[in-house]
Protein backbone atom coordinates (compact mmCIF):
# COMPACT_ATOMS: atom_id res chain seq x y z
CA MET A 1 -15.81 11.44 12.62
CA GLU A 2 -15.94 10.13 16.17
CA ALA A 3 -12.99 7.78 15.63
CA MET A 4 -10.73 10.65 14.61
CA VAL A 5 -9.00 12.53 17.42
CA PRO A 6 -7.44 15.99 17.22
CA LEU A 7 -3.73 16.23 18.03
CA LEU A 8 -3.02 19.95 17.97
CA ALA A 9 -6.09 21.28 16.22
CA GLU A 10 -9.70 20.36 15.65
CA ALA A 11 -10.17 17.71 12.96
CA GLY A 12 -13.81 18.50 12.49
CA THR A 13 -14.13 17.81 8.80
CA GLU A 14 -16.44 15.04 7.69
CA ARG A 15 -14.32 14.18 4.70
CA PHE A 16 -10.60 13.91 4.80
CA PRO A 17 -8.60 14.95 1.73
CA THR A 18 -7.70 12.47 -0.97
CA PHE A 19 -4.08 12.30 0.12
CA PHE A 20 -5.00 11.17 3.64
CA PHE A 21 -6.43 7.85 2.43
CA PHE A 22 -3.64 7.54 -0.12
CA ALA A 23 -0.87 8.01 2.46
CA THR A 24 -2.31 5.79 5.19
CA GLY A 25 -2.94 3.06 2.62
CA PHE A 26 0.62 3.33 1.37
CA ALA A 27 2.07 3.06 4.89
CA THR A 28 0.03 0.01 5.85
CA GLY A 29 0.65 -1.71 2.53
CA ILE A 30 4.43 -1.32 2.87
CA VAL A 31 4.44 -2.83 6.35
CA THR A 32 2.24 -5.72 5.24
CA LEU A 33 4.66 -6.52 2.42
CA LEU A 34 7.65 -6.46 4.77
CA MET A 35 6.10 -9.31 6.76
CA VAL A 36 6.32 -11.71 3.81
CA LEU A 37 9.94 -10.90 2.87
CA PRO A 38 12.96 -12.67 4.43
CA VAL A 39 14.99 -10.19 6.46
CA ALA A 40 17.83 -12.70 6.93
CA GLU A 41 18.33 -12.82 3.15
CA ILE A 42 17.69 -9.20 2.16
CA GLY A 43 19.27 -7.53 5.18
CA ARG A 44 18.35 -5.00 7.83
CA ARG A 45 18.97 -1.87 5.75
CA PHE A 46 16.17 -2.62 3.27
CA PHE A 47 13.64 -3.13 6.06
CA VAL A 48 14.76 0.05 7.83
CA LEU A 49 14.44 2.01 4.58
CA MET A 50 10.93 0.72 3.80
CA SER A 51 9.66 1.15 7.35
CA PHE A 52 11.05 4.70 7.36
CA LEU A 53 9.10 5.42 4.16
CA ALA A 54 5.97 4.14 5.90
CA ILE A 55 6.62 6.49 8.84
CA VAL A 56 6.99 9.40 6.39
CA PHE A 57 3.64 8.55 4.80
CA VAL A 58 1.96 8.52 8.23
CA ALA A 59 3.48 11.94 8.97
CA LEU A 60 2.20 13.28 5.66
CA ALA A 61 -1.25 11.84 6.41
CA VAL A 62 -1.26 13.66 9.76
CA ALA A 63 -0.36 16.92 8.03
CA SER A 64 -2.97 16.48 5.27
CA ALA A 65 -5.68 15.72 7.85
CA GLY A 66 -5.10 18.96 9.73
CA LEU A 67 -3.12 17.25 12.51
CA GLY A 68 -5.99 14.88 13.20
CA ILE A 69 -5.69 11.13 12.74
CA SER A 70 -6.75 7.93 14.47
CA TYR A 71 -4.67 6.46 17.26
CA PHE A 72 -4.15 3.29 15.25
CA HIS A 73 -2.15 5.11 12.59
CA LEU A 74 -0.08 6.80 15.28
CA ALA A 75 0.57 3.40 16.86
CA LEU A 76 1.69 2.15 13.44
CA ALA A 77 4.35 4.86 13.22
CA ALA A 78 5.45 4.43 16.85
CA LEU A 79 5.86 0.66 16.47
CA LEU A 80 7.85 1.12 13.27
CA ILE A 81 10.27 3.43 15.09
CA LEU A 82 10.67 0.75 17.75
CA TYR A 83 11.15 -1.85 15.03
CA ASN A 84 13.98 0.14 13.45
CA VAL A 85 15.75 0.33 16.81
CA MET A 86 15.29 -3.35 17.64
CA LEU A 87 16.03 -5.05 14.31
CA PRO A 88 19.60 -6.42 14.45
CA ALA A 89 22.12 -6.60 11.62
CA GLN A 90 21.83 -9.88 9.72
CA THR A 91 24.58 -12.45 9.32
CA GLY A 92 26.20 -12.55 5.88
CA VAL A 93 24.29 -9.49 4.66
CA ASP A 94 24.82 -6.59 7.07
CA GLN A 95 27.84 -7.96 8.94
CA SER A 96 31.17 -9.17 7.64
CA ALA A 97 32.57 -12.45 8.90
CA ARG A 98 35.30 -10.57 10.77
CA ARG A 99 32.85 -8.28 12.54
CA GLU A 100 30.59 -11.16 13.42
CA ALA A 101 33.57 -13.03 14.90
CA LEU A 102 34.31 -10.01 17.13
CA GLU A 103 30.77 -8.96 18.05
CA GLY A 104 28.74 -12.12 17.51
CA GLY A 105 25.84 -12.64 15.13
CA PRO A 106 22.27 -11.47 15.60
CA ARG A 107 20.35 -13.16 18.37
CA LEU A 108 17.40 -15.17 17.12
CA ALA A 109 15.23 -13.97 20.00
CA THR A 110 15.90 -10.32 19.13
CA THR A 111 15.06 -10.89 15.46
CA LEU A 112 11.84 -12.72 16.37
CA LEU A 113 10.85 -10.00 18.82
CA ALA A 114 11.46 -7.34 16.16
CA HIS A 115 9.31 -9.31 13.73
CA GLY A 116 6.56 -9.41 16.36
CA VAL A 117 6.71 -5.61 16.59
CA LEU A 118 6.42 -5.45 12.78
CA VAL A 119 3.35 -7.69 12.86
CA ALA A 120 1.80 -5.50 15.57
CA ALA A 121 2.51 -2.40 13.45
CA ALA A 122 0.80 -3.99 10.44
CA ALA A 123 -2.18 -4.93 12.61
CA CYS A 124 -2.51 -1.34 13.85
CA GLY A 125 -2.36 -0.03 10.28
CA ILE A 126 -5.00 -2.49 9.10
CA VAL A 127 -7.31 -1.66 12.02
CA GLY A 128 -6.81 2.04 11.29
CA ILE A 129 -7.78 1.57 7.65
CA VAL A 130 -10.82 -0.52 8.60
CA THR A 131 -11.86 2.17 11.07
CA ASP A 132 -11.52 4.87 8.42
CA ALA A 133 -13.67 2.83 6.03
CA LEU A 134 -16.39 2.12 8.58
CA GLN A 135 -16.51 5.78 9.69
CA TYR A 136 -16.65 7.15 6.16
CA PRO A 137 -19.84 9.18 5.44
CA ALA A 138 -22.69 7.06 4.11
CA LEU A 139 -22.61 6.38 0.38
CA GLU A 140 -25.23 4.93 -1.93
CA PHE A 141 -24.69 1.17 -1.82
CA ALA A 142 -26.94 -1.81 -2.43
CA GLY A 143 -26.99 -2.92 1.19
CA ASP A 144 -24.49 -2.24 3.97
CA GLN A 145 -21.64 -0.06 2.77
CA GLY A 146 -19.22 -1.24 5.45
CA PRO A 147 -17.90 -4.47 3.89
CA TRP A 148 -17.56 -2.86 0.45
CA LEU A 149 -15.56 0.11 1.70
CA VAL A 150 -13.40 -2.01 3.99
CA ALA A 151 -12.52 -4.35 1.12
CA SER A 152 -11.79 -1.38 -1.16
CA PHE A 153 -9.55 0.39 1.35
CA LEU A 154 -7.61 -2.77 2.23
CA THR A 155 -7.03 -3.95 -1.34
CA SER A 156 -5.93 -0.46 -2.37
CA SER A 157 -3.42 -0.46 0.50
CA LEU A 158 -2.04 -3.87 -0.47
CA LEU A 159 -1.69 -2.86 -4.10
CA LEU A 160 0.11 0.40 -3.31
CA GLY A 161 2.45 -1.25 -0.84
CA ALA A 162 3.23 -4.11 -3.20
CA ALA A 163 3.97 -1.78 -6.13
CA LEU A 164 6.38 0.42 -4.16
CA THR A 165 8.09 -2.44 -2.32
CA ALA A 166 8.61 -4.39 -5.54
CA MET A 167 10.18 -1.38 -7.25
CA VAL A 168 12.56 -0.63 -4.37
CA LEU A 169 13.47 -4.30 -4.03
CA GLY A 170 14.34 -4.40 -7.72
CA HIS A 171 16.77 -1.53 -7.17
CA TRP A 172 18.14 -3.28 -4.08
CA TYR A 173 19.80 -5.90 -6.26
CA LEU A 174 22.29 -3.19 -7.23
CA VAL A 175 23.23 -2.94 -3.54
CA ALA A 176 23.08 -6.63 -2.60
CA ARG A 177 24.49 -8.31 -5.68
CA LYS A 178 24.50 -11.75 -4.06
CA LEU A 179 20.79 -11.61 -3.31
CA SER A 180 18.85 -14.49 -4.84
CA PHE A 181 15.82 -13.98 -7.06
CA GLY A 182 13.54 -15.63 -4.50
CA PRO A 183 12.47 -12.39 -2.75
CA LEU A 184 11.78 -10.63 -6.07
CA ALA A 185 9.72 -13.57 -7.28
CA ARG A 186 7.80 -13.58 -4.00
CA VAL A 187 6.95 -9.88 -4.12
CA ALA A 188 6.02 -10.15 -7.83
CA LEU A 189 3.54 -12.91 -7.01
CA PHE A 190 2.18 -10.91 -4.08
CA PHE A 191 1.67 -7.91 -6.34
CA SER A 192 -0.20 -10.04 -8.89
CA ALA A 193 -2.46 -11.41 -6.15
CA ALA A 194 -3.08 -7.90 -4.75
CA LEU A 195 -3.96 -6.62 -8.22
CA ALA A 196 -6.38 -9.49 -8.83
CA LEU A 197 -8.09 -8.87 -5.48
CA ARG A 198 -8.30 -5.15 -6.18
CA MET A 199 -9.96 -5.75 -9.55
CA LEU A 200 -12.50 -8.18 -8.03
CA VAL A 201 -13.37 -5.79 -5.22
CA VAL A 202 -13.80 -2.83 -7.59
CA ALA A 203 -16.09 -4.92 -9.79
CA GLY A 204 -18.18 -5.71 -6.70
CA ASP A 205 -18.18 -2.05 -5.63
CA VAL A 206 -19.47 -0.93 -9.02
CA TRP A 207 -22.25 -3.52 -8.82
CA ALA A 208 -23.13 -2.41 -5.27
CA GLN A 209 -23.37 1.22 -6.44
CA GLU A 210 -25.40 0.48 -9.56
CA ALA A 211 -28.09 2.95 -8.55
CA LEU A 212 -25.59 5.78 -8.13
CA TRP A 213 -23.99 5.06 -11.50
CA GLY A 214 -27.44 4.95 -13.10
CA SER A 215 -28.46 8.32 -11.63
CA MET A 216 -25.23 9.96 -12.83
CA LEU A 217 -25.74 8.56 -16.31
CA ALA A 218 -29.36 9.73 -16.37
CA ARG A 219 -28.45 13.28 -15.35
CA SER A 220 -25.64 13.83 -17.85
CA GLY A 221 -26.57 11.44 -20.64
CA LEU A 222 -24.21 8.93 -22.19
CA GLU A 223 -22.24 11.47 -24.24
CA GLY A 224 -21.90 13.92 -21.37
CA PHE A 225 -20.87 11.16 -19.00
CA LEU A 226 -18.18 9.85 -21.38
CA LEU A 227 -16.80 13.34 -21.99
CA GLY A 228 -16.79 14.12 -18.26
CA HIS A 229 -16.25 11.42 -15.65
CA GLY A 230 -15.98 8.72 -18.29
CA ILE A 231 -12.56 9.88 -19.47
CA PHE A 232 -11.07 9.53 -16.00
CA ILE A 233 -12.77 6.17 -15.45
CA VAL A 234 -11.23 4.85 -18.67
CA VAL A 235 -7.83 6.12 -17.54
CA ARG A 236 -8.37 4.46 -14.17
CA VAL A 237 -9.16 1.09 -15.77
CA VAL A 238 -6.39 1.18 -18.40
CA PHE A 239 -3.58 2.58 -16.26
CA GLY A 240 -4.76 1.22 -12.92
CA PHE A 241 -5.66 -2.35 -13.92
CA LEU A 242 -4.83 -3.42 -17.46
CA ALA A 243 -1.33 -1.96 -17.71
CA PRO A 244 -0.24 -3.22 -14.24
CA ALA A 245 -1.54 -6.69 -15.14
CA ALA A 246 0.62 -6.69 -18.27
CA PHE A 247 3.60 -5.40 -16.28
CA ALA A 248 3.12 -8.10 -13.64
CA TRP A 249 3.37 -10.76 -16.34
CA MET A 250 6.45 -9.09 -17.86
CA THR A 251 8.10 -8.87 -14.44
CA TRP A 252 7.52 -12.56 -13.81
CA LYS A 253 9.14 -13.40 -17.14
CA CYS A 254 12.15 -11.24 -16.25
CA VAL A 255 12.46 -13.02 -12.92
CA GLN A 256 12.45 -16.37 -14.71
CA LEU A 257 15.20 -15.08 -17.01
CA ARG A 258 17.08 -13.73 -13.95
CA SER A 259 17.13 -10.24 -15.44
CA ASN A 260 16.68 -7.97 -12.45
CA GLN A 261 17.59 -4.77 -14.34
CA SER A 262 14.78 -5.31 -16.86
CA ALA A 263 12.41 -6.21 -14.04
CA THR A 264 13.34 -3.06 -12.15
CA GLY A 265 12.62 -0.83 -15.15
CA ILE A 266 9.24 -2.48 -15.61
CA LEU A 267 8.43 -2.16 -11.91
CA TYR A 268 9.30 1.55 -11.98
CA VAL A 269 6.76 2.21 -14.75
CA ASN A 270 4.31 -0.13 -13.04
CA LEU A 271 4.48 1.93 -9.84
CA ALA A 272 3.74 5.14 -11.77
CA PHE A 273 0.65 3.57 -13.37
CA VAL A 274 -0.61 2.12 -10.08
CA LEU A 275 -0.21 5.54 -8.46
CA MET A 276 -2.16 7.14 -11.27
CA GLY A 277 -5.00 4.65 -10.99
CA GLU A 278 -5.27 4.79 -7.21
CA ILE A 279 -5.10 8.59 -7.06
CA ILE A 280 -8.02 8.75 -9.49
CA ALA A 281 -9.87 6.17 -7.39
CA LYS A 282 -9.32 8.17 -4.18
CA TYR A 283 -10.43 11.37 -5.90
CA PHE A 284 -13.69 9.80 -7.09
CA LEU A 285 -14.32 8.46 -3.57
CA VAL A 286 -13.82 11.82 -1.88
CA SER A 287 -15.45 14.05 -4.50
CA GLN A 288 -18.19 11.88 -6.02
CA GLY A 289 -18.78 9.08 -3.53
CA LEU A 290 -17.90 6.49 -6.17
CA VAL A 291 -15.78 3.47 -5.24
CA ILE A 292 -13.77 2.43 -8.30
């Protein structure tokens, strides 16, 4: 790929491994979710933890890609490191009243500047994912493959980031016991929207690759297809779409009942199912050229 640059070794493979797309999507999705959460209410430590996880995913993507990755993903990690350094402790969450009286509260300008760095990091991650999608080897689509792959990559990233962020935020209520249910409700709604978008895009991708699905079915026959790829496709639909949709509804009910412990348990299982579905989707993309 022309858009991929070697760091310490040649990255001359035409297809990156499954984990590369999985990790870069995770990193960008986490950062995107952080932009819609209130740092003044949740506190600095949560944002530092989540941005650190995003940096780890970028590092793992670099390793899985043979030390070759686009500059946009590197910029994402670099900006997140800067964000961690710049983000100040928040009043009433990270600082006690006594410490704030001695040292002063966080400066609004510093917090806004840190948020600008976070937005820039998210933009770099999104551009990196779009670049990866547009540079992916040609697949069999009805028309231009670019928009379909871009939409698939982006919605997968949002779904992964929303699932992980929601689960960690649910656990965070054990740390910040005075935290209101507003942030959890917000991330639950964002996850539901990301899941709905992901399902719509996958439906469009399947339609756009109708010819490829038809040729696979013709070669193996219905029975052979169901016993082969069909089993994994059923698992992808059930565990990647249907189960998370049910869990999203259950989480929303728990939020309404102000039961964060029940919501956290549900979100933990939900993350496992989303991971299962998206790993299968990435495998089919890399190995079969199917976007599901």
